[in-house]
C-alpha atoms as a PDB file:
ATOM      1  CA  MET A   1     -23.134 -29.346   9.602  1.00  0.00           C
ATOM      2  CA  ILE A   2     -25.859 -26.933   8.494  1.00  0.00           C
ATOM      3  CA  ILE A   3     -23.270 -24.248   7.672  1.00  0.00           C
ATOM      4  CA  LEU A   4     -21.764 -26.691   5.163  1.00  0.00           C
ATOM      5  CA  PHE A   5     -25.198 -26.900   3.508  1.00  0.00           C
ATOM      6  CA  PHE A   6     -25.102 -23.154   2.821  1.00  0.00           C
ATOM      7  CA  LEU A   7     -21.407 -22.847   1.917  1.00  0.00           C
ATOM      8  CA  ALA A   8     -20.853 -25.852  -0.348  1.00  0.00           C
ATOM      9  CA  GLY A   9     -22.917 -24.543  -3.279  1.00  0.00           C
ATOM     10  CA  PRO A  10     -21.294 -21.102  -3.577  1.00  0.00           C
ATOM     11  CA  ILE A  11     -17.833 -22.647  -3.212  1.00  0.00           C
ATOM     12  CA  ILE A  12     -18.539 -25.077  -6.061  1.00  0.00           C
ATOM     13  CA  ILE A  13     -20.001 -22.271  -8.191  1.00  0.00           C
ATOM     14  CA  ALA A  14     -16.938 -20.096  -7.453  1.00  0.00           C
ATOM     15  CA  ILE A  15     -14.505 -22.839  -8.432  1.00  0.00           C
ATOM     16  CA  GLY A  16     -16.398 -23.449 -11.665  1.00  0.00           C
ATOM     17  CA  ASN A  17     -16.826 -19.822 -12.695  1.00  0.00           C
ATOM     18  CA  LEU A  18     -13.704 -18.143 -11.329  1.00  0.00           C
ATOM     19  CA  VAL A  19     -11.061 -20.876 -11.435  1.00  0.00           C
ATOM     20  CA  LEU A  20     -11.908 -23.494 -14.063  1.00  0.00           C
ATOM     21  CA  GLY A  21     -13.739 -21.155 -16.440  1.00  0.00           C
ATOM     22  CA  PRO A  22     -10.737 -18.972 -17.339  1.00  0.00           C
ATOM     23  CA  ILE A  23      -8.569 -22.063 -17.845  1.00  0.00           C
ATOM     24  CA  PHE A  24     -10.833 -23.685 -20.440  1.00  0.00           C
ATOM     25  CA  ASN A  25     -12.435 -20.625 -22.095  1.00  0.00           C
ATOM     26  CA  LYS A  26     -10.372 -17.469 -22.251  1.00  0.00           C
ATOM     27  CA  LYS A  27     -12.814 -15.526 -24.479  1.00  0.00           C
ATOM     28  CA  ILE A  28     -15.332 -14.614 -21.748  1.00  0.00           C
ATOM     29  CA  PRO A  29     -14.301 -11.524 -19.712  1.00  0.00           C
ATOM     30  CA  MET A  30     -13.760 -11.807 -15.968  1.00  0.00           C
ATOM     31  CA  ASN A  31     -16.536  -9.337 -15.101  1.00  0.00           C
ATOM     32  CA  VAL A  32     -19.060 -11.585 -16.871  1.00  0.00           C
ATOM     33  CA  ARG A  33     -17.740 -14.594 -14.939  1.00  0.00           C
ATOM     34  CA  PHE A  34     -17.973 -12.706 -11.659  1.00  0.00           C
ATOM     35  CA  ARG A  35     -21.528 -11.591 -12.424  1.00  0.00           C
ATOM     36  CA  ALA A  36     -22.502 -15.200 -13.213  1.00  0.00           C
ATOM     37  CA  PHE A  37     -20.925 -16.288  -9.919  1.00  0.00           C
ATOM     38  CA  MET A  38     -22.866 -13.661  -7.950  1.00  0.00           C
ATOM     39  CA  ILE A  39     -26.193 -14.483  -9.619  1.00  0.00           C
ATOM     40  CA  GLY A  40     -25.657 -18.227  -9.269  1.00  0.00           C
ATOM     41  CA  SER A  41     -24.683 -17.903  -5.598  1.00  0.00           C
ATOM     42  CA  THR A  42     -27.692 -15.715  -4.865  1.00  0.00           C
ATOM     43  CA  ILE A  43     -30.091 -18.154  -6.507  1.00  0.00           C
ATOM     44  CA  TYR A  44     -28.468 -21.065  -4.677  1.00  0.00           C
ATOM     45  CA  LEU A  45     -28.644 -19.341  -1.290  1.00  0.00           C
ATOM     46  CA  ILE A  46     -32.312 -18.396  -1.736  1.00  0.00           C
ATOM     47  CA  THR A  47     -33.160 -21.949  -2.804  1.00  0.00           C
ATOM     48  CA  ALA A  48     -31.104 -23.475   0.022  1.00  0.00           C
ATOM     49  CA  TYR A  49     -32.798 -21.213   2.563  1.00  0.00           C
ATOM     50  CA  LEU A  50     -36.261 -22.167   1.314  1.00  0.00           C
ATOM     51  CA  CYS A  51     -35.336 -25.862   1.388  1.00  0.00           C
ATOM     52  CA  TYR A  52     -34.011 -25.445   4.911  1.00  0.00           C
ATOM     53  CA  ILE A  53     -37.171 -23.725   6.120  1.00  0.00           C
ATOM     54  CA  LEU A  54     -39.646 -26.001   4.329  1.00  0.00           C
ATOM     55  CA  VAL A  55     -37.976 -29.403   4.308  1.00  0.00           C
ATOM     56  CA  LEU A  56     -35.352 -29.579   7.016  1.00  0.00           C
ATOM     57  CA  LYS A  57     -37.437 -27.864   9.678  1.00  0.00           C
ATOM     58  CA  GLY A  58     -40.352 -30.103   8.756  1.00  0.00           C
ATOM     59  CA  LYS A  59     -42.926 -27.495   7.753  1.00  0.00           C
ATOM     60  CA  LEU A  60     -43.709 -29.118   4.415  1.00  0.00           C
END
């Protein structure tokens, strides 16, 4: 169950940036989309890790 907590966000970000993005807006290059996906996933994973440590483990 906890692995779903860490994988759901990047999967949703990937679908939005790499699948739906090119369908609705063809003007933005793929390397920009991929960079946005990597940055968004990194920010999500850092935030999810901090939430896991502080909230779910009960240290807050």
